[in-house]
Amino acid sequence: MRHRRRKNSYDEATLWAGRVSVPVEIPNSALKRWRGLIGKDSYADRGMLFSNANAIHTIFMKFPIDVAFLDKHLVVLDVVRMPPWRLGVPRLRAHYVLEAEAGMFKQWGLHRHTQFTLSTTK
């Protein structure tokens, strides 16, 4: 029997900062990147990581989110909380954007200058 990838699946990975692990989903298509967290009622205990990104929006979102802008070395440049229906200001040095439900960054101890490593799962 062949194992098929679910149509709505995302690539999965883990961001590590010391002993703290953050499970993340990575959109693997342009449509999934555009959709992001739109339409979700919550998104607790994990994040969504966008590569080649330096700005986000919360248009059509149902809940506030924490947003971290990371450089190409996965160092957090800035952290903001965004309510629904906002356009974010681009961070020119950012290469990745990490989104999570509001309050998760505090729970994970994530702050400016946090250094992550990325571990992908297959």
N, C-alpha and C. Protein backbone atom coordinates (compact mmCIF):
# COMPACT_ATOMS: atom_id res chain seq x y z
N MET A 1 0.83 -1.18 0.00
CA MET A 1 0.00 0.00 0.00
C MET A 1 0.88 1.24 0.00
N ARG A 2 0.59 2.16 -0.91
CA ARG A 2 1.35 3.41 -0.98
C ARG A 2 0.87 4.38 0.08
N HIS A 3 1.83 5.09 0.65
CA HIS A 3 1.49 6.12 1.63
C HIS A 3 1.35 7.43 0.87
N ARG A 4 0.17 8.03 0.92
CA ARG A 4 -0.07 9.28 0.20
C ARG A 4 -0.02 10.45 1.16
N ARG A 5 0.52 11.51 0.67
CA ARG A 5 0.55 12.75 1.44
C ARG A 5 -0.83 13.38 1.37
N ARG A 6 -1.34 13.77 2.51
CA ARG A 6 -2.64 14.43 2.53
C ARG A 6 -2.58 15.74 1.77
N LYS A 7 -3.64 16.05 1.07
CA LYS A 7 -3.70 17.26 0.26
C LYS A 7 -3.45 18.53 1.07
N ASN A 8 -3.92 18.57 2.29
CA ASN A 8 -3.78 19.77 3.12
C ASN A 8 -2.56 19.72 4.03
N SER A 9 -1.65 18.80 3.80
CA SER A 9 -0.51 18.67 4.69
C SER A 9 0.52 19.78 4.46
N TYR A 10 1.33 19.99 5.47
CA TYR A 10 2.43 20.94 5.42
C TYR A 10 3.70 20.17 5.75
N ASP A 11 4.85 20.70 5.35
CA ASP A 11 6.10 20.11 5.81
C ASP A 11 6.22 20.39 7.30
N GLU A 12 6.76 19.44 8.04
CA GLU A 12 6.91 19.60 9.48
C GLU A 12 8.38 19.69 9.85
N ALA A 13 8.66 20.49 10.87
CA ALA A 13 10.03 20.67 11.35
C ALA A 13 9.97 21.09 12.81
N THR A 14 11.14 21.21 13.41
CA THR A 14 11.25 21.69 14.78
C THR A 14 12.32 22.76 14.84
N LEU A 15 11.98 23.88 15.47
CA LEU A 15 12.97 24.92 15.77
C LEU A 15 13.47 24.65 17.18
N TRP A 16 14.78 24.66 17.35
CA TRP A 16 15.41 24.42 18.65
C TRP A 16 16.15 25.66 19.10
N ALA A 17 15.96 26.03 20.37
CA ALA A 17 16.73 27.09 21.01
C ALA A 17 17.13 26.53 22.37
N GLY A 18 18.35 26.00 22.47
CA GLY A 18 18.76 25.31 23.69
C GLY A 18 17.92 24.06 23.87
N ARG A 19 17.27 23.95 25.03
CA ARG A 19 16.43 22.78 25.29
C ARG A 19 14.97 23.00 24.90
N VAL A 20 14.65 24.19 24.40
CA VAL A 20 13.28 24.51 24.00
C VAL A 20 13.07 24.10 22.55
N SER A 21 12.00 23.34 22.33
CA SER A 21 11.66 22.95 20.96
C SER A 21 10.31 23.55 20.58
N VAL A 22 10.24 24.02 19.35
CA VAL A 22 9.02 24.61 18.83
C VAL A 22 8.64 23.85 17.57
N PRO A 23 7.58 23.02 17.63
CA PRO A 23 7.15 22.34 16.41
C PRO A 23 6.55 23.35 15.44
N VAL A 24 6.94 23.26 14.18
CA VAL A 24 6.45 24.20 13.17
C VAL A 24 5.95 23.46 11.94
N GLU A 25 5.01 24.09 11.29
CA GLU A 25 4.56 23.66 9.98
C GLU A 25 5.11 24.67 8.98
N ILE A 26 5.54 24.16 7.82
CA ILE A 26 6.10 25.02 6.78
C ILE A 26 5.24 24.86 5.54
N PRO A 27 4.60 25.94 5.09
CA PRO A 27 3.77 25.84 3.89
C PRO A 27 4.62 25.38 2.71
N ASN A 28 4.10 24.37 1.97
CA ASN A 28 4.89 23.81 0.87
C ASN A 28 4.30 24.12 -0.50
N SER A 29 3.47 25.16 -0.58
CA SER A 29 2.95 25.62 -1.87
C SER A 29 2.62 27.10 -1.75
N ALA A 30 2.49 27.76 -2.89
CA ALA A 30 2.17 29.19 -2.90
C ALA A 30 0.79 29.44 -2.26
N LEU A 31 -0.16 28.57 -2.52
CA LEU A 31 -1.48 28.73 -1.94
C LEU A 31 -1.44 28.61 -0.42
N LYS A 32 -0.68 27.64 0.09
CA LYS A 32 -0.57 27.47 1.53
C LYS A 32 0.17 28.63 2.17
N ARG A 33 1.16 29.19 1.48
CA ARG A 33 1.85 30.38 1.99
C ARG A 33 0.88 31.55 2.08
N TRP A 34 0.07 31.73 1.04
CA TRP A 34 -0.88 32.84 1.03
C TRP A 34 -1.92 32.66 2.13
N ARG A 35 -2.39 31.44 2.32
CA ARG A 35 -3.44 31.18 3.30
C ARG A 35 -2.92 31.26 4.73
N GLY A 36 -1.75 30.70 5.00
CA GLY A 36 -1.17 30.77 6.34
C GLY A 36 -2.14 30.30 7.40
N LEU A 37 -2.44 31.16 8.38
CA LEU A 37 -3.35 30.82 9.48
C LEU A 37 -4.78 31.31 9.23
N ILE A 38 -5.06 31.83 8.04
CA ILE A 38 -6.40 32.31 7.72
C ILE A 38 -7.39 31.15 7.83
N GLY A 39 -8.49 31.41 8.48
CA GLY A 39 -9.56 30.42 8.59
C GLY A 39 -9.44 29.49 9.78
N LYS A 40 -8.31 29.50 10.45
CA LYS A 40 -8.13 28.64 11.63
C LYS A 40 -8.74 29.33 12.85
N ASP A 41 -9.35 28.53 13.73
CA ASP A 41 -9.94 29.08 14.95
C ASP A 41 -8.90 29.23 16.06
N SER A 42 -7.86 28.42 16.02
CA SER A 42 -6.76 28.51 16.99
C SER A 42 -5.55 27.81 16.38
N TYR A 43 -4.41 27.95 17.05
CA TYR A 43 -3.18 27.35 16.54
C TYR A 43 -2.20 27.20 17.71
N ALA A 44 -2.66 26.49 18.74
CA ALA A 44 -1.88 26.39 19.98
C ALA A 44 -0.76 25.36 19.87
N ASP A 45 0.31 25.59 20.63
CA ASP A 45 1.42 24.65 20.82
C ASP A 45 2.27 24.40 19.59
N ARG A 46 2.21 25.22 18.58
CA ARG A 46 3.05 25.08 17.40
C ARG A 46 3.10 26.41 16.67
N GLY A 47 3.99 26.49 15.70
CA GLY A 47 4.12 27.70 14.91
C GLY A 47 4.06 27.38 13.44
N MET A 48 3.96 28.43 12.64
CA MET A 48 4.05 28.29 11.19
C MET A 48 5.24 29.12 10.75
N LEU A 49 6.16 28.49 10.02
CA LEU A 49 7.40 29.14 9.60
C LEU A 49 7.37 29.40 8.10
N PHE A 50 7.56 30.65 7.72
CA PHE A 50 7.61 31.05 6.32
C PHE A 50 9.05 31.40 5.97
N SER A 51 9.58 30.79 4.93
CA SER A 51 10.92 31.15 4.46
C SER A 51 10.81 32.18 3.35
N ASN A 52 11.89 32.88 3.09
CA ASN A 52 11.92 33.95 2.08
C ASN A 52 10.77 34.93 2.31
N ALA A 53 10.63 35.37 3.55
CA ALA A 53 9.56 36.29 3.91
C ALA A 53 10.10 37.34 4.86
N ASN A 54 9.59 38.57 4.73
CA ASN A 54 10.00 39.61 5.66
C ASN A 54 8.83 40.47 6.14
N ALA A 55 7.60 40.07 5.77
CA ALA A 55 6.40 40.80 6.21
C ALA A 55 5.22 39.84 6.18
N ILE A 56 4.22 40.15 6.99
CA ILE A 56 3.01 39.33 7.01
C ILE A 56 1.80 40.24 7.20
N HIS A 57 0.63 39.64 7.09
CA HIS A 57 -0.62 40.34 7.38
C HIS A 57 -1.51 39.42 8.21
N THR A 58 -2.51 40.01 8.85
CA THR A 58 -3.48 39.21 9.59
C THR A 58 -4.89 39.45 9.06
N ILE A 59 -4.99 39.83 7.80
CA ILE A 59 -6.29 40.03 7.16
C ILE A 59 -7.03 38.68 7.16
N PHE A 60 -8.28 38.70 7.50
CA PHE A 60 -9.17 37.52 7.56
C PHE A 60 -8.86 36.57 8.72
N MET A 61 -7.92 36.90 9.58
CA MET A 61 -7.60 36.00 10.69
C MET A 61 -8.61 36.19 11.82
N LYS A 62 -8.78 35.13 12.61
CA LYS A 62 -9.79 35.12 13.67
C LYS A 62 -9.22 35.36 15.06
N PHE A 63 -7.90 35.39 15.21
CA PHE A 63 -7.30 35.54 16.53
C PHE A 63 -5.97 36.28 16.41
N PRO A 64 -5.51 36.93 17.50
CA PRO A 64 -4.22 37.62 17.46
C PRO A 64 -3.07 36.62 17.43
N ILE A 65 -1.95 37.04 16.85
CA ILE A 65 -0.78 36.15 16.75
C ILE A 65 0.48 36.87 17.23
N ASP A 66 1.43 36.05 17.67
CA ASP A 66 2.80 36.51 17.91
C ASP A 66 3.56 36.29 16.61
N VAL A 67 4.41 37.25 16.26
CA VAL A 67 5.19 37.19 15.02
C VAL A 67 6.65 37.44 15.35
N ALA A 68 7.52 36.55 14.87
CA ALA A 68 8.96 36.75 15.02
C ALA A 68 9.58 36.84 13.63
N PHE A 69 10.42 37.82 13.45
CA PHE A 69 11.16 37.99 12.20
C PHE A 69 12.58 37.48 12.44
N LEU A 70 13.02 36.52 11.63
CA LEU A 70 14.33 35.89 11.81
C LEU A 70 15.23 36.20 10.62
N ASP A 71 16.53 36.33 10.88
CA ASP A 71 17.47 36.56 9.79
C ASP A 71 17.83 35.22 9.14
N LYS A 72 18.75 35.26 8.17
CA LYS A 72 19.09 34.03 7.43
C LYS A 72 19.79 33.00 8.30
N HIS A 73 20.27 33.40 9.48
CA HIS A 73 20.93 32.48 10.42
C HIS A 73 19.97 32.02 11.53
N LEU A 74 18.67 32.32 11.37
CA LEU A 74 17.62 31.95 12.32
C LEU A 74 17.77 32.65 13.68
N VAL A 75 18.27 33.87 13.66
CA VAL A 75 18.33 34.71 14.86
C VAL A 75 17.13 35.65 14.83
N VAL A 76 16.42 35.74 15.95
CA VAL A 76 15.23 36.59 16.01
C VAL A 76 15.65 38.06 16.00
N LEU A 77 15.15 38.79 15.00
CA LEU A 77 15.44 40.22 14.86
C LEU A 77 14.43 41.08 15.61
N ASP A 78 13.17 40.65 15.59
CA ASP A 78 12.11 41.43 16.20
C ASP A 78 10.93 40.52 16.52
N VAL A 79 10.18 40.88 17.54
CA VAL A 79 8.99 40.13 17.95
C VAL A 79 7.86 41.14 18.13
N VAL A 80 6.70 40.84 17.54
CA VAL A 80 5.53 41.71 17.68
C VAL A 80 4.29 40.86 17.88
N ARG A 81 3.27 41.45 18.47
CA ARG A 81 1.95 40.82 18.56
C ARG A 81 1.05 41.59 17.61
N MET A 82 0.32 40.84 16.78
CA MET A 82 -0.56 41.49 15.80
C MET A 82 -2.00 41.01 15.98
N PRO A 83 -2.93 41.95 16.14
CA PRO A 83 -4.34 41.57 16.17
C PRO A 83 -4.82 41.27 14.75
N PRO A 84 -6.01 40.66 14.63
CA PRO A 84 -6.54 40.41 13.29
C PRO A 84 -6.73 41.71 12.50
N TRP A 85 -6.71 41.56 11.19
CA TRP A 85 -6.99 42.64 10.24
C TRP A 85 -5.94 43.75 10.25
N ARG A 86 -4.67 43.35 10.29
CA ARG A 86 -3.57 44.32 10.25
C ARG A 86 -2.58 43.95 9.14
N LEU A 87 -1.87 44.96 8.65
CA LEU A 87 -0.75 44.76 7.73
C LEU A 87 0.53 45.00 8.51
N GLY A 88 1.46 44.07 8.44
CA GLY A 88 2.72 44.21 9.16
C GLY A 88 3.72 45.06 8.39
N VAL A 89 4.60 45.69 9.12
CA VAL A 89 5.69 46.47 8.54
C VAL A 89 6.82 45.51 8.17
N PRO A 90 7.30 45.55 6.92
CA PRO A 90 8.39 44.65 6.53
C PRO A 90 9.66 44.89 7.36
N ARG A 91 10.37 43.83 7.65
CA ARG A 91 11.69 43.90 8.29
C ARG A 91 12.70 43.52 7.22
N LEU A 92 13.46 44.48 6.76
CA LEU A 92 14.30 44.29 5.58
C LEU A 92 15.34 43.20 5.73
N ARG A 93 15.86 42.98 6.94
CA ARG A 93 16.89 41.95 7.14
C ARG A 93 16.31 40.56 7.39
N ALA A 94 14.99 40.49 7.51
CA ALA A 94 14.36 39.20 7.81
C ALA A 94 14.37 38.28 6.59
N HIS A 95 14.58 37.00 6.87
CA HIS A 95 14.54 35.96 5.84
C HIS A 95 13.45 34.94 6.15
N TYR A 96 13.08 34.84 7.41
CA TYR A 96 12.01 33.94 7.86
C TYR A 96 11.04 34.71 8.74
N VAL A 97 9.78 34.25 8.75
CA VAL A 97 8.78 34.77 9.67
C VAL A 97 8.15 33.58 10.37
N LEU A 98 8.09 33.67 11.70
CA LEU A 98 7.47 32.64 12.52
C LEU A 98 6.20 33.22 13.12
N GLU A 99 5.07 32.52 12.89
CA GLU A 99 3.79 32.94 13.45
C GLU A 99 3.32 31.89 14.45
N ALA A 100 2.68 32.35 15.52
CA ALA A 100 2.09 31.45 16.51
C ALA A 100 0.94 32.17 17.19
N GLU A 101 0.07 31.41 17.80
CA GLU A 101 -1.04 32.00 18.53
C GLU A 101 -0.48 32.91 19.63
N ALA A 102 -1.14 34.05 19.85
CA ALA A 102 -0.68 35.02 20.84
C ALA A 102 -0.48 34.34 22.19
N GLY A 103 0.67 34.62 22.81
CA GLY A 103 1.02 34.05 24.11
C GLY A 103 1.99 32.88 24.03
N MET A 104 2.10 32.26 22.88
CA MET A 104 2.99 31.10 22.74
C MET A 104 4.46 31.50 22.87
N PHE A 105 4.85 32.67 22.35
CA PHE A 105 6.25 33.07 22.43
C PHE A 105 6.69 33.22 23.88
N LYS A 106 5.82 33.77 24.71
CA LYS A 106 6.15 33.90 26.14
C LYS A 106 6.31 32.52 26.76
N GLN A 107 5.41 31.61 26.42
CA GLN A 107 5.49 30.24 26.93
C GLN A 107 6.79 29.56 26.50
N TRP A 108 7.23 29.81 25.28
CA TRP A 108 8.46 29.20 24.76
C TRP A 108 9.72 29.95 25.20
N GLY A 109 9.57 31.14 25.76
CA GLY A 109 10.72 31.95 26.14
C GLY A 109 11.39 32.61 24.95
N LEU A 110 10.66 32.79 23.88
CA LEU A 110 11.21 33.38 22.66
C LEU A 110 11.26 34.90 22.80
N HIS A 111 12.39 35.49 22.43
CA HIS A 111 12.56 36.93 22.50
C HIS A 111 13.58 37.35 21.45
N ARG A 112 13.77 38.66 21.35
CA ARG A 112 14.76 39.20 20.41
C ARG A 112 16.13 38.60 20.72
N HIS A 113 16.87 38.25 19.70
CA HIS A 113 18.22 37.66 19.75
C HIS A 113 18.22 36.16 20.03
N THR A 114 17.04 35.53 20.19
CA THR A 114 17.02 34.07 20.34
C THR A 114 17.62 33.45 19.08
N GLN A 115 18.52 32.49 19.26
CA GLN A 115 19.15 31.78 18.12
C GLN A 115 18.50 30.40 18.00
N PHE A 116 17.96 30.12 16.82
CA PHE A 116 17.34 28.81 16.56
C PHE A 116 18.21 27.97 15.64
N THR A 117 18.00 26.66 15.73
CA THR A 117 18.44 25.73 14.69
C THR A 117 17.19 25.03 14.20
N LEU A 118 17.22 24.58 12.96
CA LEU A 118 16.05 23.96 12.34
C LEU A 118 16.32 22.50 12.07
N SER A 119 15.43 21.66 12.55
CA SER A 119 15.52 20.21 12.33
C SER A 119 14.28 19.78 11.58
N THR A 120 14.45 19.29 10.37
CA THR A 120 13.30 18.87 9.57
C THR A 120 13.00 17.39 9.81
N THR A 121 11.74 17.05 9.62
CA THR A 121 11.32 15.66 9.76
C THR A 121 10.75 15.20 8.44
N LYS A 122 10.93 13.95 8.15
CA LYS A 122 10.41 13.39 6.87
C LYS A 122 9.34 12.39 7.17
